[in-house]
Amino acid sequence: MKALIYEGPRTMTLREVAPPHPDPGEVVVEVAYSGICGSELSGFMGQSSIRKPPLIFGHEFSGRIVDTGPGTTLAKGPRVTANPLISCGHCTFCRAGEEQLCANRRLLGATRAGSNAVYVAVPEDRVVLLPDALSFEQATLAEPIAYAVHVIEMLALKSEEVLAVIGMGPIGLFVLQVALHYGTTNVYVVDTNPERLAIAQVLGAAAALNPLHDNVAQVIADATGGLGAHAVVDAVGSTATRQSAVSLARSRGTVIFSGLHTAETRLPVNDMVRNEIVTRGAFAYHDDQFRRSVDLIAQGAVGLEDHWIVKAPLSEGGHWYEQLITNPGGIAKVLLAPR
């Protein structure tokens, strides 16, 4: 089968490799689309501790079951997506329904072969059947939307509270949409890309702010009586955005760090102590949140319009990884098609 192989920093090669065979309890999915995730961009640049060459990236995908291993109950043929986070199922966190914190977790496209290929093998219990009305393209968005659901459910904001989201890549755009769906109407978004900000405005942001031109802290202060945002989500993960997130939060506000691009960041800890600011990491999602994300897309509550999505052949994958790093423009998501 054809597969896009990560060979080293900024090097992707289309190769012929052996197709996967399902182990007991696994199915093989013929991939319709495989999305490029922001975390994979840092991996593509050689900055990920868990993505080592040679490796098939890809953990956001949709397709159709074409083979099944011993002991499976699913048949060949159904249209599916799958939760790419594979946990042990019996540790303290797994038993509590927080399998994203499982110490033995594995991830498609990181610790095992992913979906940037014609076929991908996945445990049957990770598979989610698609409603008939849900397209393969939109179903591919389930994984990052599940992450956004995790973030917003973690915050549990009241409708009148103010949320600031830094970074309008896919995660930021989905955090905005999920927040609005859950009833938080005052969502202020921040990015230096005017085309991404325009998308956020269409999706319903209360204000779309560019720190190159706007005094972001002043705008949010004016909107909150000088107090600052109740919650801030950093959906980038750079030193600058993490520091900005803390600066935008009010006393006893909550800052969610979600991006993984920079391993270490200096923060104004004394100010955080004096203002009793709560900081939390947000990693992945619970399995029920993943399944809920599929329902949200099917309901039309969350998703992306077709003109914000680029669909490209797998052979052009290396180009699109590079493009998303250097100049994403108004592209919200790139979906690679192996066939």
C-alpha atoms as a PDB file:
ATOM      1  CA  MET A   1       0.000   0.000   0.000  1.00  0.00           C
ATOM      2  CA  LYS A   2       1.016   3.646  -0.351  1.00  0.00           C
ATOM      3  CA  ALA A   3       2.000   5.429   2.862  1.00  0.00           C
ATOM      4  CA  LEU A   4       3.468   8.835   3.641  1.00  0.00           C
ATOM      5  CA  ILE A   5       6.555   8.223   5.754  1.00  0.00           C
ATOM      6  CA  TYR A   6       8.127  10.775   8.095  1.00  0.00           C
ATOM      7  CA  GLU A   7      11.853  10.324   7.395  1.00  0.00           C
ATOM      8  CA  GLY A   8      13.243  13.143   9.548  1.00  0.00           C
ATOM      9  CA  PRO A   9      12.781  16.887  10.144  1.00  0.00           C
ATOM     10  CA  ARG A  10      10.748  18.392   7.273  1.00  0.00           C
ATOM     11  CA  THR A  11      11.071  15.222   5.200  1.00  0.00           C
ATOM     12  CA  MET A  12       8.057  13.168   4.108  1.00  0.00           C
ATOM     13  CA  THR A  13       8.332  10.434   1.472  1.00  0.00           C
ATOM     14  CA  LEU A  14       5.571   8.505  -0.270  1.00  0.00           C
ATOM     15  CA  ARG A  15       6.499   4.813  -0.185  1.00  0.00           C
ATOM     16  CA  GLU A  16       5.094   1.374  -0.886  1.00  0.00           C
ATOM     17  CA  VAL A  17       4.857  -0.560   2.391  1.00  0.00           C
ATOM     18  CA  ALA A  18       3.172  -3.752   3.526  1.00  0.00           C
ATOM     19  CA  PRO A  19      -0.469  -3.233   4.481  1.00  0.00           C
ATOM     20  CA  PRO A  20      -1.448  -3.870   8.109  1.00  0.00           C
ATOM     21  CA  HIS A  21      -3.030  -7.151   9.153  1.00  0.00           C
ATOM     22  CA  PRO A  22      -5.488  -6.987  12.052  1.00  0.00           C
ATOM     23  CA  ASP A  23      -4.429  -8.551  15.329  1.00  0.00           C
ATOM     24  CA  PRO A  24      -7.091 -10.148  17.538  1.00  0.00           C
ATOM     25  CA  GLY A  25      -9.653  -7.499  18.470  1.00  0.00           C
ATOM     26  CA  GLU A  26      -8.581  -5.162  15.669  1.00  0.00           C
ATOM     27  CA  VAL A  27     -10.060  -3.999  12.374  1.00  0.00           C
ATOM     28  CA  VAL A  28      -8.412  -2.539   9.292  1.00  0.00           C
ATOM     29  CA  VAL A  29      -9.893   0.667   7.908  1.00  0.00           C
ATOM     30  CA  GLU A  30      -9.457   1.801   4.318  1.00  0.00           C
ATOM     31  CA  VAL A  31      -8.748   5.496   4.863  1.00  0.00           C
ATOM     32  CA  ALA A  32     -10.949   8.003   3.046  1.00  0.00           C
ATOM     33  CA  TYR A  33      -9.330  11.090   4.580  1.00  0.00           C
ATOM     34  CA  SER A  34      -6.544  11.700   7.085  1.00  0.00           C
ATOM     35  CA  GLY A  35      -6.285  15.134   8.675  1.00  0.00           C
ATOM     36  CA  ILE A  36      -3.056  16.962   9.481  1.00  0.00           C
ATOM     37  CA  CYS A  37      -2.960  17.868  13.186  1.00  0.00           C
ATOM     38  CA  GLY A  38      -1.082  20.801  14.721  1.00  0.00           C
ATOM     39  CA  SER A  39       0.807  18.432  17.015  1.00  0.00           C
ATOM     40  CA  GLU A  40       2.083  16.650  13.924  1.00  0.00           C
ATOM     41  CA  LEU A  41       3.500  19.897  12.594  1.00  0.00           C
ATOM     42  CA  SER A  42       5.904  20.076  15.535  1.00  0.00           C
ATOM     43  CA  GLY A  43       6.681  16.411  14.890  1.00  0.00           C
ATOM     44  CA  PHE A  44       7.322  17.197  11.232  1.00  0.00           C
ATOM     45  CA  MET A  45       9.826  19.834  12.352  1.00  0.00           C
ATOM     46  CA  GLY A  46      11.605  17.281  14.553  1.00  0.00           C
ATOM     47  CA  GLN A  47      10.377  18.801  17.824  1.00  0.00           C
ATOM     48  CA  SER A  48       8.255  15.920  19.141  1.00  0.00           C
ATOM     49  CA  SER A  49       9.599  13.523  21.761  1.00  0.00           C
ATOM     50  CA  ILE A  50       7.129  10.782  20.780  1.00  0.00           C
ATOM     51  CA  ARG A  51       7.347  10.881  16.978  1.00  0.00           C
ATOM     52  CA  LYS A  52      10.517   9.216  15.749  1.00  0.00           C
ATOM     53  CA  PRO A  53      11.357   8.407  12.104  1.00  0.00           C
ATOM     54  CA  PRO A  54      10.527   6.385  10.174  1.00  0.00           C
ATOM     55  CA  LEU A  55       6.855   6.749  11.050  1.00  0.00           C
ATOM     56  CA  ILE A  56       3.439   6.976   9.395  1.00  0.00           C
ATOM     57  CA  PHE A  57       1.752  10.040  10.905  1.00  0.00           C
ATOM     58  CA  GLY A  58      -2.010  10.496  11.122  1.00  0.00           C
ATOM     59  CA  HIS A  59      -4.575  10.117  13.913  1.00  0.00           C
ATOM     60  CA  GLU A  60      -7.571  12.054  12.547  1.00  0.00           C
ATOM     61  CA  PHE A  61      -9.293   9.911   9.946  1.00  0.00           C
ATOM     62  CA  SER A  62     -12.408   8.387   8.483  1.00  0.00           C
ATOM     63  CA  GLY A  63     -12.957   5.436   6.194  1.00  0.00           C
ATOM     64  CA  ARG A  64     -14.533   2.023   5.814  1.00  0.00           C
ATOM     65  CA  ILE A  65     -13.800  -1.292   7.553  1.00  0.00           C
ATOM     66  CA  VAL A  66     -12.278  -3.711   5.041  1.00  0.00           C
ATOM     67  CA  ASP A  67     -10.815  -6.430   7.273  1.00  0.00           C
ATOM     68  CA  THR A  68     -11.360  -7.796  10.778  1.00  0.00           C
ATOM     69  CA  GLY A  69      -9.190  -9.770  13.158  1.00  0.00           C
ATOM     70  CA  PRO A  70     -10.090 -12.758  15.336  1.00  0.00           C
ATOM     71  CA  GLY A  71     -12.580 -12.026  18.106  1.00  0.00           C
ATOM     72  CA  THR A  72     -14.078  -8.894  16.559  1.00  0.00           C
ATOM     73  CA  THR A  73     -17.810  -8.279  16.330  1.00  0.00           C
ATOM     74  CA  LEU A  74     -17.863  -5.632  13.612  1.00  0.00           C
ATOM     75  CA  ALA A  75     -18.362  -6.695  10.011  1.00  0.00           C
ATOM     76  CA  LYS A  76     -16.621  -5.449   6.887  1.00  0.00           C
ATOM     77  CA  GLY A  77     -18.243  -2.475   5.184  1.00  0.00           C
ATOM     78  CA  PRO A  78     -19.379   0.103   7.799  1.00  0.00           C
ATOM     79  CA  ARG A  79     -18.261   3.727   7.497  1.00  0.00           C
ATOM     80  CA  VAL A  80     -16.290   4.692  10.595  1.00  0.00           C
ATOM     81  CA  THR A  81     -13.924   6.983  12.378  1.00  0.00           C
ATOM     82  CA  ALA A  82     -11.895   5.942  15.415  1.00  0.00           C
ATOM     83  CA  ASN A  83     -10.532   7.271  18.671  1.00  0.00           C
ATOM     84  CA  PRO A  84      -6.767   7.050  18.056  1.00  0.00           C
ATOM     85  CA  LEU A  85      -5.860   7.058  21.759  1.00  0.00           C
ATOM     86  CA  ILE A  86      -5.351   3.464  22.892  1.00  0.00           C
ATOM     87  CA  SER A  87      -5.273   2.946  26.659  1.00  0.00           C
ATOM     88  CA  CYS A  88      -4.673  -0.105  28.862  1.00  0.00           C
ATOM     89  CA  GLY A  89      -8.258  -0.223  30.165  1.00  0.00           C
ATOM     90  CA  HIS A  90      -7.465  -1.329  33.711  1.00  0.00           C
ATOM     91  CA  CYS A  91      -5.309   1.319  35.429  1.00  0.00           C
ATOM     92  CA  THR A  92      -6.685   3.849  37.954  1.00  0.00           C
ATOM     93  CA  PHE A  93      -7.298   6.488  35.300  1.00  0.00           C
ATOM     94  CA  CYS A  94      -8.862   4.099  32.778  1.00  0.00           C
ATOM     95  CA  ARG A  95     -11.248   2.759  35.419  1.00  0.00           C
ATOM     96  CA  ALA A  96     -12.226   6.362  36.219  1.00  0.00           C
ATOM     97  CA  GLY A  97     -13.033   7.091  32.554  1.00  0.00           C
ATOM     98  CA  GLU A  98      -9.956   9.306  32.147  1.00  0.00           C
ATOM     99  CA  GLU A  99      -8.045   7.085  29.775  1.00  0.00           C
ATOM    100  CA  GLN A 100      -6.228  10.082  28.263  1.00  0.00           C
ATOM    101  CA  LEU A 101      -4.095  10.016  31.439  1.00  0.00           C
ATOM    102  CA  CYS A 102      -3.251   6.311  31.182  1.00  0.00           C
ATOM    103  CA  ALA A 103       0.489   5.899  31.687  1.00  0.00           C
ATOM    104  CA  ASN A 104       0.510   3.099  29.118  1.00  0.00           C
ATOM    105  CA  ARG A 105      -1.478   4.927  26.456  1.00  0.00           C
ATOM    106  CA  ARG A 106      -0.490   4.671  22.808  1.00  0.00           C
ATOM    107  CA  LEU A 107      -1.424   6.953  19.934  1.00  0.00           C
ATOM    108  CA  LEU A 108      -1.920   6.158  16.274  1.00  0.00           C
ATOM    109  CA  GLY A 109       0.582   8.122  14.232  1.00  0.00           C
ATOM    110  CA  ALA A 110       3.004   8.400  17.150  1.00  0.00           C
ATOM    111  CA  THR A 111       3.680   5.127  18.952  1.00  0.00           C
ATOM    112  CA  ARG A 112       2.173   2.966  16.185  1.00  0.00           C
ATOM    113  CA  ALA A 113       1.479   3.425  12.477  1.00  0.00           C
ATOM    114  CA  GLY A 114      -1.121   6.065  11.707  1.00  0.00           C
ATOM    115  CA  SER A 115      -3.612   6.978   9.016  1.00  0.00           C
ATOM    116  CA  ASN A 116      -1.451   8.731   6.405  1.00  0.00           C
ATOM    117  CA  ALA A 117      -1.759   5.555   4.372  1.00  0.00           C
ATOM    118  CA  VAL A 118      -4.264   3.585   2.345  1.00  0.00           C
ATOM    119  CA  TYR A 119      -5.040   1.351   5.359  1.00  0.00           C
ATOM    120  CA  VAL A 120      -4.719   1.669   9.131  1.00  0.00           C
ATOM    121  CA  ALA A 121      -5.273  -0.955  11.838  1.00  0.00           C
ATOM    122  CA  VAL A 122      -7.121   0.062  15.003  1.00  0.00           C
ATOM    123  CA  PRO A 123      -8.621  -1.765  18.003  1.00  0.00           C
ATOM    124  CA  GLU A 124     -12.316  -2.467  17.516  1.00  0.00           C
ATOM    125  CA  ASP A 125     -13.274  -0.761  20.793  1.00  0.00           C
ATOM    126  CA  ARG A 126     -11.883   2.536  19.458  1.00  0.00           C
ATOM    127  CA  VAL A 127     -14.138   2.484  16.383  1.00  0.00           C
ATOM    128  CA  VAL A 128     -17.200   4.752  16.082  1.00  0.00           C
ATOM    129  CA  LEU A 129     -19.812   4.069  13.393  1.00  0.00           C
ATOM    130  CA  LEU A 130     -20.807   7.099  11.317  1.00  0.00           C
ATOM    131  CA  PRO A 131     -24.403   8.256  10.879  1.00  0.00           C
ATOM    132  CA  ASP A 132     -25.497   8.001   7.248  1.00  0.00           C
ATOM    133  CA  ALA A 133     -25.774  11.776   6.885  1.00  0.00           C
ATOM    134  CA  LEU A 134     -22.227  12.441   8.099  1.00  0.00           C
ATOM    135  CA  SER A 135     -19.658  12.835   5.319  1.00  0.00           C
ATOM    136  CA  PHE A 136     -16.193  11.312   5.486  1.00  0.00           C
ATOM    137  CA  GLU A 137     -14.741  14.839   5.331  1.00  0.00           C
ATOM    138  CA  GLN A 138     -16.613  16.120   8.378  1.00  0.00           C
ATOM    139  CA  ALA A 139     -16.138  12.857  10.286  1.00  0.00           C
ATOM    140  CA  THR A 140     -12.368  13.326  10.016  1.00  0.00           C
ATOM    141  CA  LEU A 141     -12.765  16.363  12.292  1.00  0.00           C
ATOM    142  CA  ALA A 142     -14.075  14.281  15.217  1.00  0.00           C
ATOM    143  CA  GLU A 143     -10.703  13.938  16.931  1.00  0.00           C
ATOM    144  CA  PRO A 144      -9.816  17.657  17.270  1.00  0.00           C
ATOM    145  CA  ILE A 145     -13.447  18.461  18.105  1.00  0.00           C
ATOM    146  CA  ALA A 146     -13.285  15.899  20.926  1.00  0.00           C
ATOM    147  CA  TYR A 147     -10.299  17.810  22.278  1.00  0.00           C
ATOM    148  CA  ALA A 148     -12.338  21.023  22.218  1.00  0.00           C
ATOM    149  CA  VAL A 149     -15.202  19.287  24.026  1.00  0.00           C
ATOM    150  CA  HIS A 150     -12.724  18.184  26.709  1.00  0.00           C
ATOM    151  CA  VAL A 151     -11.454  21.746  27.169  1.00  0.00           C
ATOM    152  CA  ILE A 152     -14.902  23.338  27.422  1.00  0.00           C
ATOM    153  CA  GLU A 153     -16.299  20.658  29.725  1.00  0.00           C
ATOM    154  CA  MET A 154     -13.230  21.097  31.919  1.00  0.00           C
ATOM    155  CA  LEU A 155     -13.930  24.851  32.188  1.00  0.00           C
ATOM    156  CA  ALA A 156     -17.710  24.509  32.795  1.00  0.00           C
ATOM    157  CA  LEU A 157     -18.255  28.215  32.120  1.00  0.00           C
ATOM    158  CA  LYS A 158     -21.458  30.057  32.898  1.00  0.00           C
ATOM    159  CA  SER A 159     -23.213  31.665  29.960  1.00  0.00           C
ATOM    160  CA  GLU A 160     -22.295  35.237  30.931  1.00  0.00           C
ATOM    161  CA  GLU A 161     -18.625  34.524  31.607  1.00  0.00           C
ATOM    162  CA  VAL A 162     -15.894  35.719  29.229  1.00  0.00           C
ATOM    163  CA  LEU A 163     -13.607  33.267  27.464  1.00  0.00           C
ATOM    164  CA  ALA A 164     -10.497  34.256  25.525  1.00  0.00           C
ATOM    165  CA  VAL A 165      -8.994  31.770  23.040  1.00  0.00           C
ATOM    166  CA  ILE A 166      -5.471  32.340  21.740  1.00  0.00           C
ATOM    167  CA  GLY A 167      -4.725  30.699  18.394  1.00  0.00           C
ATOM    168  CA  MET A 168      -7.250  30.131  15.627  1.00  0.00           C
ATOM    169  CA  GLY A 169      -5.846  26.934  14.237  1.00  0.00           C
ATOM    170  CA  PRO A 170      -8.264  23.996  14.142  1.00  0.00           C
ATOM    171  CA  ILE A 171      -8.236  23.474  17.932  1.00  0.00           C
ATOM    172  CA  GLY A 172      -8.926  27.141  18.631  1.00  0.00           C
ATOM    173  CA  LEU A 173     -11.705  27.282  16.038  1.00  0.00           C
ATOM    174  CA  PHE A 174     -13.318  24.187  17.528  1.00  0.00           C
ATOM    175  CA  VAL A 175     -12.959  25.483  21.108  1.00  0.00           C
ATOM    176  CA  LEU A 176     -14.807  28.612  19.936  1.00  0.00           C
ATOM    177  CA  GLN A 177     -17.594  26.572  18.358  1.00  0.00           C
ATOM    178  CA  VAL A 178     -18.010  24.159  21.259  1.00  0.00           C
ATOM    179  CA  ALA A 179     -18.043  27.039  23.750  1.00  0.00           C
ATOM    180  CA  LEU A 180     -20.820  28.725  21.790  1.00  0.00           C
ATOM    181  CA  HIS A 181     -22.748  25.459  21.555  1.00  0.00           C
ATOM    182  CA  TYR A 182     -22.488  25.039  25.335  1.00  0.00           C
ATOM    183  CA  GLY A 183     -23.900  28.520  25.839  1.00  0.00           C
ATOM    184  CA  THR A 184     -20.856  30.746  26.374  1.00  0.00           C
ATOM    185  CA  THR A 185     -21.598  33.766  24.186  1.00  0.00           C
ATOM    186  CA  ASN A 186     -18.693  36.061  25.095  1.00  0.00           C
ATOM    187  CA  VAL A 187     -15.770  34.423  23.313  1.00  0.00           C
ATOM    188  CA  TYR A 188     -12.869  36.669  22.319  1.00  0.00           C
ATOM    189  CA  VAL A 189     -10.332  35.157  19.932  1.00  0.00           C
ATOM    190  CA  VAL A 190      -6.730  36.122  19.271  1.00  0.00           C
ATOM    191  CA  ASP A 191      -4.440  35.373  16.323  1.00  0.00           C
ATOM    192  CA  THR A 192      -1.957  37.138  14.049  1.00  0.00           C
ATOM    193  CA  ASN A 193      -3.448  35.528  10.926  1.00  0.00           C
ATOM    194  CA  PRO A 194      -6.219  37.821   9.609  1.00  0.00           C
ATOM    195  CA  GLU A 195      -7.727  35.070   7.462  1.00  0.00           C
ATOM    196  CA  ARG A 196      -8.097  32.736  10.429  1.00  0.00           C
ATOM    197  CA  LEU A 197      -9.611  35.631  12.417  1.00  0.00           C
ATOM    198  CA  ALA A 198     -12.134  36.132   9.616  1.00  0.00           C
ATOM    199  CA  ILE A 199     -13.177  32.494   9.951  1.00  0.00           C
ATOM    200  CA  ALA A 200     -13.631  32.967  13.705  1.00  0.00           C
ATOM    201  CA  GLN A 201     -15.846  35.988  13.096  1.00  0.00           C
ATOM    202  CA  VAL A 202     -18.071  33.977  10.757  1.00  0.00           C
ATOM    203  CA  LEU A 203     -18.294  31.275  13.439  1.00  0.00           C
ATOM    204  CA  GLY A 204     -19.540  33.762  16.033  1.00  0.00           C
ATOM    205  CA  ALA A 205     -16.626  35.212  18.001  1.00  0.00           C
ATOM    206  CA  ALA A 206     -17.566  38.274  20.070  1.00  0.00           C
ATOM    207  CA  ALA A 207     -14.375  39.921  18.824  1.00  0.00           C
ATOM    208  CA  ALA A 208     -11.465  38.772  16.664  1.00  0.00           C
ATOM    209  CA  LEU A 209      -8.251  40.431  17.838  1.00  0.00           C
ATOM    210  CA  ASN A 210      -4.857  40.674  16.170  1.00  0.00           C
ATOM    211  CA  PRO A 211      -2.093  41.498  18.698  1.00  0.00           C
ATOM    212  CA  LEU A 212      -0.048  43.065  15.883  1.00  0.00           C
ATOM    213  CA  HIS A 213      -2.690  45.788  15.626  1.00  0.00           C
ATOM    214  CA  ASP A 214      -5.017  45.497  18.622  1.00  0.00           C
ATOM    215  CA  ASN A 215      -4.422  46.055  22.326  1.00  0.00           C
ATOM    216  CA  VAL A 216      -5.851  42.693  23.288  1.00  0.00           C
ATOM    217  CA  ALA A 217      -5.544  43.171  27.051  1.00  0.00           C
ATOM    218  CA  GLN A 218      -7.308  46.541  26.863  1.00  0.00           C
ATOM    219  CA  VAL A 219     -10.184  45.226  24.747  1.00  0.00           C
ATOM    220  CA  ILE A 220     -10.805  42.374  27.184  1.00  0.00           C
ATOM    221  CA  ALA A 221     -10.396  44.689  30.177  1.00  0.00           C
ATOM    222  CA  ASP A 222     -12.976  47.078  28.699  1.00  0.00           C
ATOM    223  CA  ALA A 223     -15.367  44.176  28.171  1.00  0.00           C
ATOM    224  CA  THR A 224     -15.005  42.927  31.748  1.00  0.00           C
ATOM    225  CA  GLY A 225     -14.965  46.102  33.817  1.00  0.00           C
ATOM    226  CA  GLY A 226     -11.195  45.929  34.070  1.00  0.00           C
ATOM    227  CA  LEU A 227     -11.174  42.439  35.604  1.00  0.00           C
ATOM    228  CA  GLY A 228      -9.989  40.286  32.700  1.00  0.00           C
ATOM    229  CA  ALA A 229     -11.296  37.052  31.219  1.00  0.00           C
ATOM    230  CA  HIS A 230     -12.856  34.379  33.409  1.00  0.00           C
ATOM    231  CA  ALA A 231     -10.967  31.769  31.389  1.00  0.00           C
ATOM    232  CA  VAL A 232      -8.251  31.757  28.753  1.00  0.00           C
ATOM    233  CA  VAL A 233      -7.314  28.876  26.463  1.00  0.00           C
ATOM    234  CA  ASP A 234      -3.872  28.833  24.873  1.00  0.00           C
ATOM    235  CA  ALA A 235      -4.360  26.752  21.745  1.00  0.00           C
ATOM    236  CA  VAL A 236      -0.828  27.396  20.438  1.00  0.00           C
ATOM    237  CA  GLY A 237       1.686  26.360  23.070  1.00  0.00           C
ATOM    238  CA  SER A 238       4.471  28.895  22.505  1.00  0.00           C
ATOM    239  CA  THR A 239       6.210  30.890  25.218  1.00  0.00           C
ATOM    240  CA  ALA A 240       4.583  34.120  24.000  1.00  0.00           C
ATOM    241  CA  THR A 241       1.049  32.706  23.914  1.00  0.00           C
ATOM    242  CA  ARG A 242       1.354  31.044  27.328  1.00  0.00           C
ATOM    243  CA  GLN A 243       2.544  34.264  28.886  1.00  0.00           C
ATOM    244  CA  SER A 244      -0.212  36.194  27.123  1.00  0.00           C
ATOM    245  CA  ALA A 245      -2.824  33.735  28.389  1.00  0.00           C
ATOM    246  CA  VAL A 246      -1.821  34.355  31.988  1.00  0.00           C
ATOM    247  CA  SER A 247      -1.844  38.123  31.473  1.00  0.00           C
ATOM    248  CA  LEU A 248      -5.414  38.092  30.114  1.00  0.00           C
ATOM    249  CA  ALA A 249      -6.923  36.156  33.019  1.00  0.00           C
ATOM    250  CA  ARG A 250      -8.680  37.871  35.928  1.00  0.00           C
ATOM    251  CA  SER A 251      -7.924  37.113  39.567  1.00  0.00           C
ATOM    252  CA  ARG A 252      -9.077  33.550  40.256  1.00  0.00           C
ATOM    253  CA  GLY A 253      -9.471  33.055  36.540  1.00  0.00           C
ATOM    254  CA  THR A 254      -8.520  29.790  34.836  1.00  0.00           C
ATOM    255  CA  VAL A 255      -5.884  29.327  32.149  1.00  0.00           C
ATOM    256  CA  ILE A 256      -5.916  26.141  30.064  1.00  0.00           C
ATOM    257  CA  PHE A 257      -2.635  25.223  28.386  1.00  0.00           C
ATOM    258  CA  SER A 258      -3.287  22.927  25.436  1.00  0.00           C
ATOM    259  CA  GLY A 259      -0.527  23.448  22.871  1.00  0.00           C
ATOM    260  CA  LEU A 260       2.648  21.347  23.059  1.00  0.00           C
ATOM    261  CA  HIS A 261       4.977  23.272  20.757  1.00  0.00           C
ATOM    262  CA  THR A 262       7.394  24.566  23.420  1.00  0.00           C
ATOM    263  CA  ALA A 263       8.573  22.207  26.157  1.00  0.00           C
ATOM    264  CA  GLU A 264       9.485  24.860  28.745  1.00  0.00           C
ATOM    265  CA  THR A 265       8.143  28.364  29.389  1.00  0.00           C
ATOM    266  CA  ARG A 266       8.911  31.018  31.996  1.00  0.00           C
ATOM    267  CA  LEU A 267       5.718  32.330  33.598  1.00  0.00           C
ATOM    268  CA  PRO A 268       5.047  35.234  36.010  1.00  0.00           C
ATOM    269  CA  VAL A 269       4.490  32.916  38.953  1.00  0.00           C
ATOM    270  CA  ASN A 270       4.453  35.665  41.603  1.00  0.00           C
ATOM    271  CA  ASP A 271       1.588  37.399  39.789  1.00  0.00           C
ATOM    272  CA  MET A 272      -0.190  34.056  39.429  1.00  0.00           C
ATOM    273  CA  VAL A 273       0.162  33.468  43.173  1.00  0.00           C
ATOM    274  CA  ARG A 274      -1.029  36.930  44.145  1.00  0.00           C
ATOM    275  CA  ASN A 275      -4.004  36.746  41.780  1.00  0.00           C
ATOM    276  CA  GLU A 276      -4.822  33.112  42.619  1.00  0.00           C
ATOM    277  CA  ILE A 277      -4.885  32.192  38.938  1.00  0.00           C
ATOM    278  CA  VAL A 278      -5.655  28.536  38.260  1.00  0.00           C
ATOM    279  CA  THR A 279      -3.634  26.887  35.499  1.00  0.00           C
ATOM    280  CA  ARG A 280      -4.432  23.484  34.032  1.00  0.00           C
ATOM    281  CA  GLY A 281      -3.165  21.342  31.233  1.00  0.00           C
ATOM    282  CA  ALA A 282      -5.667  19.761  28.849  1.00  0.00           C
ATOM    283  CA  PHE A 283      -4.618  16.630  27.013  1.00  0.00           C
ATOM    284  CA  ALA A 284      -6.758  14.710  24.520  1.00  0.00           C
ATOM    285  CA  TYR A 285     -10.231  13.626  25.722  1.00  0.00           C
ATOM    286  CA  HIS A 286     -12.293  10.870  27.326  1.00  0.00           C
ATOM    287  CA  ASP A 287     -13.676   8.198  25.018  1.00  0.00           C
ATOM    288  CA  ASP A 288     -17.229   9.411  25.660  1.00  0.00           C
ATOM    289  CA  GLN A 289     -16.175  12.922  24.598  1.00  0.00           C
ATOM    290  CA  PHE A 290     -14.832  11.510  21.346  1.00  0.00           C
ATOM    291  CA  ARG A 291     -18.141   9.777  20.673  1.00  0.00           C
ATOM    292  CA  ARG A 292     -20.021  12.935  21.631  1.00  0.00           C
ATOM    293  CA  SER A 293     -17.979  14.906  19.112  1.00  0.00           C
ATOM    294  CA  VAL A 294     -19.277  12.659  16.312  1.00  0.00           C
ATOM    295  CA  ASP A 295     -22.826  13.446  17.428  1.00  0.00           C
ATOM    296  CA  LEU A 296     -22.106  17.197  17.498  1.00  0.00           C
ATOM    297  CA  ILE A 297     -20.811  17.115  13.925  1.00  0.00           C
ATOM    298  CA  ALA A 298     -23.800  15.061  12.772  1.00  0.00           C
ATOM    299  CA  GLN A 299     -26.129  17.634  14.388  1.00  0.00           C
ATOM    300  CA  GLY A 300     -24.376  20.447  12.521  1.00  0.00           C
ATOM    301  CA  ALA A 301     -23.382  22.080  15.817  1.00  0.00           C
ATOM    302  CA  VAL A 302     -19.640  22.006  15.090  1.00  0.00           C
ATOM    303  CA  GLY A 303     -17.615  21.644  11.902  1.00  0.00           C
ATOM    304  CA  LEU A 304     -15.944  23.532   9.093  1.00  0.00           C
ATOM    305  CA  GLU A 305     -17.339  24.820   5.824  1.00  0.00           C
ATOM    306  CA  ASP A 306     -15.951  23.109   2.743  1.00  0.00           C
ATOM    307  CA  HIS A 307     -14.129  26.200   1.463  1.00  0.00           C
ATOM    308  CA  TRP A 308     -12.012  26.285   4.642  1.00  0.00           C
ATOM    309  CA  ILE A 309     -10.834  22.716   4.022  1.00  0.00           C
ATOM    310  CA  VAL A 310      -8.191  21.619   1.532  1.00  0.00           C
ATOM    311  CA  LYS A 311      -8.489  18.051   0.235  1.00  0.00           C
ATOM    312  CA  ALA A 312      -5.252  16.854  -1.320  1.00  0.00           C
ATOM    313  CA  PRO A 313      -3.793  13.532  -2.485  1.00  0.00           C
ATOM    314  CA  LEU A 314      -1.508  11.749  -0.050  1.00  0.00           C
ATOM    315  CA  SER A 315       1.364  12.286  -2.482  1.00  0.00           C
ATOM    316  CA  GLU A 316       1.187  16.029  -1.755  1.00  0.00           C
ATOM    317  CA  GLY A 317       1.333  15.534   2.010  1.00  0.00           C
ATOM    318  CA  GLY A 318       4.889  16.819   2.434  1.00  0.00           C
ATOM    319  CA  HIS A 319       3.974  20.030   0.641  1.00  0.00           C
ATOM    320  CA  TRP A 320       0.964  20.623   2.877  1.00  0.00           C
ATOM    321  CA  TYR A 321       2.867  19.976   6.100  1.00  0.00           C
ATOM    322  CA  GLU A 322       5.344  22.631   4.954  1.00  0.00           C
ATOM    323  CA  GLN A 323       2.564  24.998   3.861  1.00  0.00           C
ATOM    324  CA  LEU A 324       0.804  24.805   7.224  1.00  0.00           C
ATOM    325  CA  ILE A 325       4.040  25.698   8.986  1.00  0.00           C
ATOM    326  CA  THR A 326       5.052  28.580   6.745  1.00  0.00           C
ATOM    327  CA  ASN A 327       1.840  30.154   5.436  1.00  0.00           C
ATOM    328  CA  PRO A 328      -1.517  28.538   6.293  1.00  0.00           C
ATOM    329  CA  GLY A 329      -3.494  31.574   5.133  1.00  0.00           C
ATOM    330  CA  GLY A 330      -7.225  30.923   5.311  1.00  0.00           C
ATOM    331  CA  ILE A 331      -6.875  27.142   5.397  1.00  0.00           C
ATOM    332  CA  ALA A 332      -8.490  25.733   8.524  1.00  0.00           C
ATOM    333  CA  LYS A 333      -7.772  22.060   7.834  1.00  0.00           C
ATOM    334  CA  VAL A 334      -5.935  19.861   5.340  1.00  0.00           C
ATOM    335  CA  LEU A 335      -7.323  16.405   4.632  1.00  0.00           C
ATOM    336  CA  LEU A 336      -5.102  13.932   2.787  1.00  0.00           C
ATOM    337  CA  ALA A 337      -6.788  11.375   0.526  1.00  0.00           C
ATOM    338  CA  PRO A 338      -4.778   8.139   0.090  1.00  0.00           C
ATOM    339  CA  ARG A 339      -6.856   7.094  -2.954  1.00  0.00           C
END
